[in-house]
N, C-alpha and C. Protein backbone atom coordinates (compact mmCIF):
# COMPACT_ATOMS: atom_id res chain seq x y z
N UNK A 1 77.68 -37.42 -45.99
CA UNK A 1 77.89 -36.00 -46.01
C UNK A 1 79.22 -35.72 -46.71
N UNK A 2 79.24 -34.70 -47.54
CA UNK A 2 80.46 -34.35 -48.27
C UNK A 2 81.17 -33.19 -47.59
N UNK A 3 82.49 -33.24 -47.66
CA UNK A 3 83.31 -32.19 -47.07
C UNK A 3 84.38 -31.78 -48.06
N UNK A 4 84.76 -30.54 -48.03
CA UNK A 4 85.85 -30.03 -48.83
C UNK A 4 87.14 -30.34 -48.07
N UNK A 5 88.04 -31.06 -48.70
CA UNK A 5 89.27 -31.50 -48.03
C UNK A 5 90.10 -30.34 -47.50
N UNK A 6 90.20 -29.26 -48.27
CA UNK A 6 90.99 -28.10 -47.83
C UNK A 6 90.38 -27.46 -46.59
N UNK A 7 89.05 -27.39 -46.54
CA UNK A 7 88.38 -26.82 -45.38
C UNK A 7 88.59 -27.68 -44.14
N UNK A 8 88.57 -29.01 -44.31
CA UNK A 8 88.81 -29.90 -43.19
C UNK A 8 90.24 -29.77 -42.67
N UNK A 9 91.19 -29.67 -43.58
CA UNK A 9 92.59 -29.49 -43.15
C UNK A 9 92.74 -28.17 -42.41
N UNK A 10 92.10 -27.11 -42.93
CA UNK A 10 92.13 -25.82 -42.25
C UNK A 10 91.53 -25.94 -40.85
N UNK A 11 90.39 -26.60 -40.74
CA UNK A 11 89.74 -26.78 -39.44
C UNK A 11 90.62 -27.58 -38.49
N UNK A 12 91.32 -28.59 -39.01
CA UNK A 12 92.17 -29.43 -38.16
C UNK A 12 93.33 -28.67 -37.54
N UNK A 13 93.65 -27.51 -38.09
CA UNK A 13 94.76 -26.70 -37.57
C UNK A 13 94.30 -25.65 -36.57
N UNK A 14 93.01 -25.59 -36.31
CA UNK A 14 92.47 -24.63 -35.35
C UNK A 14 92.72 -25.13 -33.92
N UNK A 15 92.64 -24.23 -32.95
CA UNK A 15 92.80 -24.67 -31.55
C UNK A 15 91.77 -25.74 -31.19
N UNK A 16 92.21 -26.72 -30.45
CA UNK A 16 91.33 -27.85 -30.11
C UNK A 16 90.80 -27.72 -28.69
N UNK A 17 89.63 -28.31 -28.47
CA UNK A 17 89.07 -28.38 -27.12
C UNK A 17 89.83 -29.41 -26.29
N UNK A 18 90.25 -30.47 -26.95
CA UNK A 18 91.06 -31.52 -26.32
C UNK A 18 92.00 -32.08 -27.37
N UNK A 19 93.16 -32.48 -26.92
CA UNK A 19 94.13 -33.14 -27.81
C UNK A 19 95.02 -34.03 -26.97
N UNK A 20 95.31 -35.22 -27.48
CA UNK A 20 96.19 -36.13 -26.77
C UNK A 20 96.58 -37.26 -27.71
N UNK A 21 97.66 -37.93 -27.37
CA UNK A 21 98.02 -39.16 -28.06
C UNK A 21 97.26 -40.29 -27.38
N UNK A 22 96.44 -40.97 -28.17
CA UNK A 22 95.63 -42.08 -27.65
C UNK A 22 95.87 -43.31 -28.52
N UNK A 23 95.60 -44.46 -27.96
CA UNK A 23 95.55 -45.66 -28.77
C UNK A 23 94.25 -45.61 -29.55
N UNK A 24 94.28 -46.00 -30.82
CA UNK A 24 93.07 -45.96 -31.65
C UNK A 24 93.02 -47.19 -32.54
N UNK A 25 91.85 -47.82 -32.57
CA UNK A 25 91.62 -48.94 -33.48
C UNK A 25 90.40 -48.61 -34.33
N UNK A 26 90.56 -48.72 -35.62
CA UNK A 26 89.48 -48.43 -36.55
C UNK A 26 88.41 -49.50 -36.55
N UNK A 27 87.35 -49.30 -37.33
CA UNK A 27 86.21 -50.21 -37.31
C UNK A 27 86.35 -51.46 -38.19
N UNK A 28 87.38 -51.51 -39.01
CA UNK A 28 87.51 -52.65 -39.93
C UNK A 28 88.03 -53.88 -39.21
N UNK A 29 87.57 -55.02 -39.65
CA UNK A 29 88.04 -56.29 -39.09
C UNK A 29 89.55 -56.40 -39.37
N UNK A 30 90.30 -56.73 -38.37
CA UNK A 30 91.74 -56.85 -38.53
C UNK A 30 92.50 -55.57 -38.19
N UNK A 31 91.78 -54.44 -37.97
CA UNK A 31 92.47 -53.21 -37.56
C UNK A 31 93.13 -53.45 -36.20
N UNK A 32 94.31 -52.87 -36.03
CA UNK A 32 95.03 -53.02 -34.76
C UNK A 32 95.13 -51.66 -34.07
N UNK A 33 95.37 -51.71 -32.78
CA UNK A 33 95.50 -50.48 -31.99
C UNK A 33 96.80 -49.79 -32.39
N UNK A 34 96.68 -48.50 -32.74
CA UNK A 34 97.85 -47.69 -33.10
C UNK A 34 97.81 -46.40 -32.32
N UNK A 35 98.97 -45.87 -32.02
CA UNK A 35 99.06 -44.59 -31.31
C UNK A 35 98.78 -43.48 -32.31
N UNK A 36 97.81 -42.60 -31.97
CA UNK A 36 97.42 -41.49 -32.84
C UNK A 36 97.28 -40.22 -32.01
N UNK A 37 97.60 -39.10 -32.63
CA UNK A 37 97.29 -37.81 -32.04
C UNK A 37 95.82 -37.57 -32.38
N UNK A 38 95.00 -37.38 -31.37
CA UNK A 38 93.56 -37.19 -31.54
C UNK A 38 93.22 -35.79 -31.07
N UNK A 39 92.50 -35.03 -31.93
CA UNK A 39 92.13 -33.65 -31.59
C UNK A 39 90.62 -33.47 -31.76
N UNK A 40 90.00 -32.91 -30.74
CA UNK A 40 88.59 -32.58 -30.79
C UNK A 40 88.47 -31.09 -31.12
N UNK A 41 87.90 -30.80 -32.28
CA UNK A 41 87.73 -29.42 -32.73
C UNK A 41 86.28 -29.26 -33.16
N UNK A 42 85.56 -28.43 -32.44
CA UNK A 42 84.12 -28.22 -32.62
C UNK A 42 83.43 -29.58 -32.51
N UNK A 43 82.84 -30.08 -33.59
CA UNK A 43 82.18 -31.40 -33.52
C UNK A 43 82.87 -32.42 -34.44
N UNK A 44 84.16 -32.23 -34.64
CA UNK A 44 84.98 -33.18 -35.41
C UNK A 44 86.05 -33.77 -34.51
N UNK A 45 86.29 -35.05 -34.65
CA UNK A 45 87.40 -35.70 -33.99
C UNK A 45 88.41 -36.06 -35.08
N UNK A 46 89.50 -35.31 -35.13
CA UNK A 46 90.55 -35.55 -36.12
C UNK A 46 91.57 -36.50 -35.52
N UNK A 47 92.15 -37.35 -36.38
CA UNK A 47 93.24 -38.19 -35.91
C UNK A 47 94.39 -38.13 -36.91
N UNK A 48 95.59 -38.13 -36.34
CA UNK A 48 96.83 -37.91 -37.08
C UNK A 48 97.82 -39.00 -36.74
N UNK A 49 98.72 -39.30 -37.67
CA UNK A 49 99.91 -40.06 -37.29
C UNK A 49 100.69 -39.12 -36.37
N UNK A 50 101.35 -39.68 -35.40
CA UNK A 50 102.00 -38.83 -34.39
C UNK A 50 103.11 -37.96 -34.94
N UNK A 51 103.62 -38.28 -36.12
CA UNK A 51 104.72 -37.50 -36.69
C UNK A 51 104.30 -36.66 -37.90
N UNK A 52 102.99 -36.50 -38.12
CA UNK A 52 102.52 -35.75 -39.29
C UNK A 52 101.58 -34.62 -38.88
N UNK A 53 101.50 -33.59 -39.73
CA UNK A 53 100.68 -32.42 -39.41
C UNK A 53 99.30 -32.47 -40.05
N UNK A 54 99.12 -33.25 -41.11
CA UNK A 54 97.81 -33.35 -41.73
C UNK A 54 97.07 -34.56 -41.19
N UNK A 55 95.78 -34.43 -40.94
CA UNK A 55 95.02 -35.56 -40.40
C UNK A 55 94.91 -36.69 -41.42
N UNK A 56 94.85 -37.90 -40.90
CA UNK A 56 94.62 -39.04 -41.78
C UNK A 56 93.14 -39.41 -41.80
N UNK A 57 92.37 -38.77 -40.91
CA UNK A 57 90.94 -39.02 -40.88
C UNK A 57 90.24 -38.08 -39.93
N UNK A 58 88.92 -38.06 -40.04
CA UNK A 58 88.09 -37.22 -39.17
C UNK A 58 86.74 -37.89 -38.98
N UNK A 59 86.22 -37.80 -37.77
CA UNK A 59 84.90 -38.32 -37.47
C UNK A 59 84.00 -37.14 -37.14
N UNK A 60 82.87 -37.03 -37.82
CA UNK A 60 81.88 -36.02 -37.50
C UNK A 60 81.05 -36.58 -36.36
N UNK A 61 81.07 -35.92 -35.22
CA UNK A 61 80.47 -36.45 -34.00
C UNK A 61 78.98 -36.14 -33.90
N UNK A 62 78.24 -36.53 -34.90
CA UNK A 62 76.78 -36.38 -34.91
C UNK A 62 76.17 -37.75 -35.11
N UNK A 63 75.02 -37.95 -34.49
CA UNK A 63 74.32 -39.23 -34.62
C UNK A 63 75.24 -40.39 -34.25
N UNK A 64 75.96 -40.22 -33.13
CA UNK A 64 76.86 -41.28 -32.69
C UNK A 64 76.64 -41.57 -31.22
N UNK A 65 77.15 -42.71 -30.80
CA UNK A 65 77.06 -43.12 -29.41
C UNK A 65 78.48 -43.28 -28.88
N UNK A 66 78.74 -42.69 -27.73
CA UNK A 66 80.04 -42.83 -27.07
C UNK A 66 79.82 -43.71 -25.86
N UNK A 67 80.61 -44.77 -25.76
CA UNK A 67 80.44 -45.70 -24.65
C UNK A 67 81.78 -46.01 -24.01
N UNK A 68 81.75 -46.15 -22.72
CA UNK A 68 82.94 -46.55 -21.98
C UNK A 68 83.08 -48.06 -22.13
N UNK A 69 84.25 -48.50 -22.54
CA UNK A 69 84.49 -49.93 -22.75
C UNK A 69 85.10 -50.58 -21.51
N UNK A 70 86.03 -49.89 -20.87
CA UNK A 70 86.60 -50.31 -19.59
C UNK A 70 87.18 -49.07 -18.93
N UNK A 71 88.00 -49.25 -17.89
CA UNK A 71 88.51 -48.09 -17.13
C UNK A 71 89.22 -47.06 -17.99
N UNK A 72 89.97 -47.52 -19.00
CA UNK A 72 90.79 -46.61 -19.78
C UNK A 72 90.43 -46.59 -21.27
N UNK A 73 89.27 -47.09 -21.63
CA UNK A 73 88.92 -47.16 -23.05
C UNK A 73 87.47 -46.75 -23.28
N UNK A 74 87.25 -46.14 -24.45
CA UNK A 74 85.90 -45.79 -24.86
C UNK A 74 85.76 -46.06 -26.36
N UNK A 75 84.52 -46.12 -26.81
CA UNK A 75 84.28 -46.36 -28.22
C UNK A 75 83.29 -45.35 -28.77
N UNK A 76 83.34 -45.18 -30.08
CA UNK A 76 82.39 -44.34 -30.79
C UNK A 76 81.79 -45.19 -31.90
N UNK A 77 80.46 -45.26 -31.92
CA UNK A 77 79.75 -45.97 -32.99
C UNK A 77 78.68 -45.04 -33.52
N UNK A 78 78.45 -45.09 -34.81
CA UNK A 78 77.47 -44.23 -35.44
C UNK A 78 76.14 -44.95 -35.56
N UNK A 79 75.06 -44.24 -35.31
CA UNK A 79 73.74 -44.85 -35.25
C UNK A 79 73.35 -45.56 -36.54
N UNK A 80 73.76 -45.03 -37.68
CA UNK A 80 73.40 -45.67 -38.94
C UNK A 80 74.33 -46.83 -39.31
N UNK A 81 75.43 -46.99 -38.57
CA UNK A 81 76.37 -48.08 -38.80
C UNK A 81 76.87 -48.60 -37.46
N UNK A 82 75.95 -49.09 -36.63
CA UNK A 82 76.28 -49.49 -35.25
C UNK A 82 77.38 -50.56 -35.17
N UNK A 83 77.51 -51.36 -36.22
CA UNK A 83 78.52 -52.42 -36.18
C UNK A 83 79.94 -51.87 -36.39
N UNK A 84 80.05 -50.66 -36.92
CA UNK A 84 81.36 -50.03 -37.13
C UNK A 84 81.70 -49.23 -35.88
N UNK A 85 82.68 -49.71 -35.13
CA UNK A 85 83.01 -49.09 -33.86
C UNK A 85 84.49 -48.70 -33.85
N UNK A 86 84.75 -47.46 -33.46
CA UNK A 86 86.12 -46.97 -33.27
C UNK A 86 86.44 -47.08 -31.79
N UNK A 87 87.58 -47.65 -31.46
CA UNK A 87 87.97 -47.85 -30.07
C UNK A 87 89.17 -46.96 -29.75
N UNK A 88 89.12 -46.32 -28.58
CA UNK A 88 90.19 -45.42 -28.14
C UNK A 88 90.66 -45.85 -26.76
N UNK A 89 91.99 -45.92 -26.58
CA UNK A 89 92.58 -46.25 -25.29
C UNK A 89 93.29 -45.03 -24.74
N UNK A 90 92.97 -44.69 -23.49
CA UNK A 90 93.56 -43.52 -22.82
C UNK A 90 94.66 -43.98 -21.86
N UNK A 91 95.38 -43.01 -21.30
CA UNK A 91 96.45 -43.32 -20.36
C UNK A 91 95.95 -43.50 -18.94
N UNK A 92 94.75 -42.97 -18.64
CA UNK A 92 94.21 -43.09 -17.29
C UNK A 92 92.69 -43.10 -17.34
N UNK A 93 92.09 -43.52 -16.24
CA UNK A 93 90.64 -43.52 -16.12
C UNK A 93 90.10 -42.09 -16.20
N UNK A 94 90.80 -41.17 -15.54
CA UNK A 94 90.38 -39.76 -15.56
C UNK A 94 90.38 -39.20 -16.98
N UNK A 95 91.43 -39.47 -17.73
CA UNK A 95 91.51 -39.00 -19.11
C UNK A 95 90.38 -39.59 -19.95
N UNK A 96 90.07 -40.84 -19.72
CA UNK A 96 88.99 -41.50 -20.46
C UNK A 96 87.66 -40.80 -20.19
N UNK A 97 87.35 -40.53 -18.95
CA UNK A 97 86.10 -39.86 -18.60
C UNK A 97 86.04 -38.44 -19.18
N UNK A 98 87.17 -37.74 -19.18
CA UNK A 98 87.22 -36.39 -19.75
C UNK A 98 86.94 -36.41 -21.25
N UNK A 99 87.51 -37.38 -21.97
CA UNK A 99 87.27 -37.49 -23.41
C UNK A 99 85.80 -37.82 -23.69
N UNK A 100 85.23 -38.75 -22.95
CA UNK A 100 83.83 -39.11 -23.15
C UNK A 100 82.94 -37.89 -22.96
N UNK A 101 83.16 -37.17 -21.87
CA UNK A 101 82.36 -35.98 -21.58
C UNK A 101 82.50 -34.93 -22.68
N UNK A 102 83.72 -34.67 -23.12
CA UNK A 102 83.97 -33.66 -24.15
C UNK A 102 83.33 -34.05 -25.49
N UNK A 103 83.39 -35.31 -25.85
CA UNK A 103 82.82 -35.76 -27.12
C UNK A 103 81.29 -35.66 -27.09
N UNK A 104 80.69 -36.06 -25.98
CA UNK A 104 79.23 -35.95 -25.87
C UNK A 104 78.79 -34.49 -26.00
N UNK A 105 79.52 -33.60 -25.36
CA UNK A 105 79.15 -32.18 -25.38
C UNK A 105 79.48 -31.48 -26.69
N UNK A 106 80.23 -32.13 -27.56
CA UNK A 106 80.64 -31.50 -28.82
C UNK A 106 79.57 -31.57 -29.90
N UNK A 107 78.57 -32.41 -29.74
CA UNK A 107 77.59 -32.57 -30.82
C UNK A 107 76.63 -31.40 -30.91
N UNK A 108 76.20 -31.15 -32.11
CA UNK A 108 75.21 -30.10 -32.37
C UNK A 108 73.94 -30.39 -31.59
N UNK A 109 73.53 -31.64 -31.56
CA UNK A 109 72.28 -32.01 -30.89
C UNK A 109 72.35 -31.70 -29.39
N UNK A 110 73.50 -31.94 -28.76
CA UNK A 110 73.67 -31.62 -27.34
C UNK A 110 73.53 -30.11 -27.13
N UNK A 111 74.19 -29.33 -27.98
CA UNK A 111 74.11 -27.86 -27.85
C UNK A 111 72.69 -27.37 -28.11
N UNK A 112 72.01 -27.97 -29.08
CA UNK A 112 70.63 -27.59 -29.39
C UNK A 112 69.71 -27.86 -28.20
N UNK A 113 69.86 -29.02 -27.57
CA UNK A 113 69.03 -29.36 -26.41
C UNK A 113 69.29 -28.40 -25.26
N UNK A 114 70.54 -28.02 -25.06
CA UNK A 114 70.86 -27.04 -24.01
C UNK A 114 70.22 -25.69 -24.32
N UNK A 115 70.30 -25.26 -25.57
CA UNK A 115 69.69 -23.99 -25.95
C UNK A 115 68.19 -24.02 -25.68
N UNK A 116 67.54 -25.09 -26.05
CA UNK A 116 66.09 -25.20 -25.83
C UNK A 116 65.77 -25.20 -24.33
N UNK A 117 66.56 -25.93 -23.54
CA UNK A 117 66.34 -25.96 -22.10
C UNK A 117 66.48 -24.56 -21.49
N UNK A 118 67.58 -23.88 -21.79
CA UNK A 118 67.81 -22.56 -21.20
C UNK A 118 66.82 -21.53 -21.74
N UNK A 119 66.42 -21.68 -22.98
CA UNK A 119 65.39 -20.80 -23.54
C UNK A 119 64.09 -20.94 -22.74
N UNK A 120 63.70 -22.18 -22.46
CA UNK A 120 62.49 -22.44 -21.69
C UNK A 120 62.60 -21.89 -20.27
N UNK A 121 63.78 -22.07 -19.66
CA UNK A 121 63.98 -21.57 -18.30
C UNK A 121 63.90 -20.04 -18.25
N UNK A 122 64.55 -19.37 -19.21
CA UNK A 122 64.49 -17.91 -19.25
C UNK A 122 63.06 -17.44 -19.47
N UNK A 123 62.34 -18.13 -20.35
CA UNK A 123 60.94 -17.78 -20.61
C UNK A 123 60.10 -17.96 -19.35
N UNK A 124 60.35 -19.05 -18.63
CA UNK A 124 59.61 -19.32 -17.40
C UNK A 124 59.87 -18.26 -16.35
N UNK A 125 61.12 -17.82 -16.23
CA UNK A 125 61.49 -16.85 -15.20
C UNK A 125 61.15 -15.41 -15.56
N UNK A 126 61.21 -15.07 -16.84
CA UNK A 126 61.03 -13.67 -17.23
C UNK A 126 59.76 -13.42 -18.02
N UNK A 127 59.18 -14.48 -18.57
CA UNK A 127 58.01 -14.31 -19.43
C UNK A 127 58.37 -13.85 -20.83
N UNK A 128 59.66 -13.80 -21.13
CA UNK A 128 60.12 -13.35 -22.45
C UNK A 128 60.90 -14.46 -23.14
N UNK A 129 60.75 -14.52 -24.45
CA UNK A 129 61.51 -15.46 -25.25
C UNK A 129 62.84 -14.80 -25.62
N UNK A 130 63.98 -15.33 -25.13
CA UNK A 130 65.27 -14.69 -25.41
C UNK A 130 65.67 -14.69 -26.88
N UNK A 131 65.07 -15.55 -27.70
CA UNK A 131 65.43 -15.59 -29.11
C UNK A 131 64.62 -14.61 -29.95
N UNK A 132 63.55 -14.08 -29.37
CA UNK A 132 62.68 -13.18 -30.13
C UNK A 132 63.41 -11.94 -30.62
N UNK A 133 64.31 -11.41 -29.82
CA UNK A 133 65.04 -10.20 -30.21
C UNK A 133 65.93 -10.42 -31.44
N UNK A 134 66.25 -11.68 -31.73
CA UNK A 134 67.07 -11.98 -32.90
C UNK A 134 66.24 -12.40 -34.11
N UNK A 135 64.93 -12.46 -33.94
CA UNK A 135 64.04 -12.82 -35.03
C UNK A 135 64.12 -14.27 -35.45
N UNK A 136 64.55 -15.13 -34.53
CA UNK A 136 64.72 -16.54 -34.87
C UNK A 136 63.89 -17.46 -33.98
N UNK A 137 63.01 -16.91 -33.19
CA UNK A 137 62.28 -17.73 -32.22
C UNK A 137 61.35 -18.75 -32.86
N UNK A 138 60.93 -18.53 -34.10
CA UNK A 138 60.02 -19.47 -34.76
C UNK A 138 60.73 -20.50 -35.62
N UNK A 139 62.06 -20.43 -35.71
CA UNK A 139 62.78 -21.38 -36.55
C UNK A 139 62.66 -22.80 -36.00
N UNK A 140 62.46 -23.74 -36.88
CA UNK A 140 62.25 -25.13 -36.51
C UNK A 140 63.39 -25.69 -35.67
N UNK A 141 64.61 -25.34 -35.98
CA UNK A 141 65.75 -25.91 -35.26
C UNK A 141 65.78 -25.54 -33.79
N UNK A 142 65.02 -24.49 -33.40
CA UNK A 142 64.98 -24.07 -32.00
C UNK A 142 63.72 -24.53 -31.29
N UNK A 143 62.97 -25.42 -31.92
CA UNK A 143 61.73 -25.91 -31.34
C UNK A 143 61.96 -27.27 -30.70
N UNK A 144 61.18 -27.54 -29.69
CA UNK A 144 61.23 -28.85 -29.06
C UNK A 144 60.50 -29.82 -29.97
N UNK A 145 61.16 -30.89 -30.37
CA UNK A 145 60.55 -31.83 -31.31
C UNK A 145 60.02 -33.07 -30.60
N UNK A 146 59.90 -33.02 -29.28
CA UNK A 146 59.48 -34.20 -28.53
C UNK A 146 57.98 -34.26 -28.32
N UNK A 147 57.22 -33.46 -29.06
CA UNK A 147 55.78 -33.48 -28.90
C UNK A 147 55.29 -32.51 -27.84
N UNK A 148 56.19 -31.82 -27.19
CA UNK A 148 55.78 -30.83 -26.19
C UNK A 148 55.20 -29.61 -26.88
N UNK A 149 54.28 -28.92 -26.24
CA UNK A 149 53.70 -27.74 -26.87
C UNK A 149 54.75 -26.63 -26.98
N UNK A 150 54.57 -25.71 -27.95
CA UNK A 150 55.53 -24.62 -28.08
C UNK A 150 55.41 -23.68 -26.88
N UNK A 151 56.41 -22.81 -26.74
CA UNK A 151 56.39 -21.84 -25.64
C UNK A 151 55.14 -21.00 -25.71
N UNK A 152 54.50 -20.73 -24.55
CA UNK A 152 53.31 -19.87 -24.58
C UNK A 152 53.71 -18.44 -24.86
N UNK A 153 52.77 -17.63 -25.34
CA UNK A 153 53.10 -16.22 -25.58
C UNK A 153 53.37 -15.54 -24.23
N UNK A 154 54.20 -14.50 -24.22
CA UNK A 154 54.49 -13.81 -22.97
C UNK A 154 53.24 -13.16 -22.41
N UNK A 155 53.15 -13.07 -21.07
CA UNK A 155 51.98 -12.42 -20.48
C UNK A 155 51.93 -10.95 -20.83
N UNK A 156 50.73 -10.42 -20.98
CA UNK A 156 50.60 -8.99 -21.32
C UNK A 156 50.09 -8.18 -20.16
């Protein structure tokens, strides 16, 4: 995926959902753990040298797996490159769990699944499709792709 560098820098300066100095080791053989300022903004994880304002890198948190490595560490690996793993060390077990939870919830796919779940629940309780009023209820991105049948029409 291609990104415009100026747009990424602009995004990196926006308010973050989480930010902290963490230990970080990149995916390359021989990479060592370094202290980095890590910021979660929307579905990007930006990392900075602790004394600089521009990010030195960004991870798009889509199609990735977040795993707890031990009490104070977690990793991020991308599904298309499972052997490339980024490792992060936190200051406490609580901080580690908070980062894992925030990263999982930051993905577009997580938000999409929640939207589909709540859409189904509202339809079940009210008989109305909440997306219909916006004219987007038939869009593919809002459909369940797991082989389940589409929402039934509202009762008349």
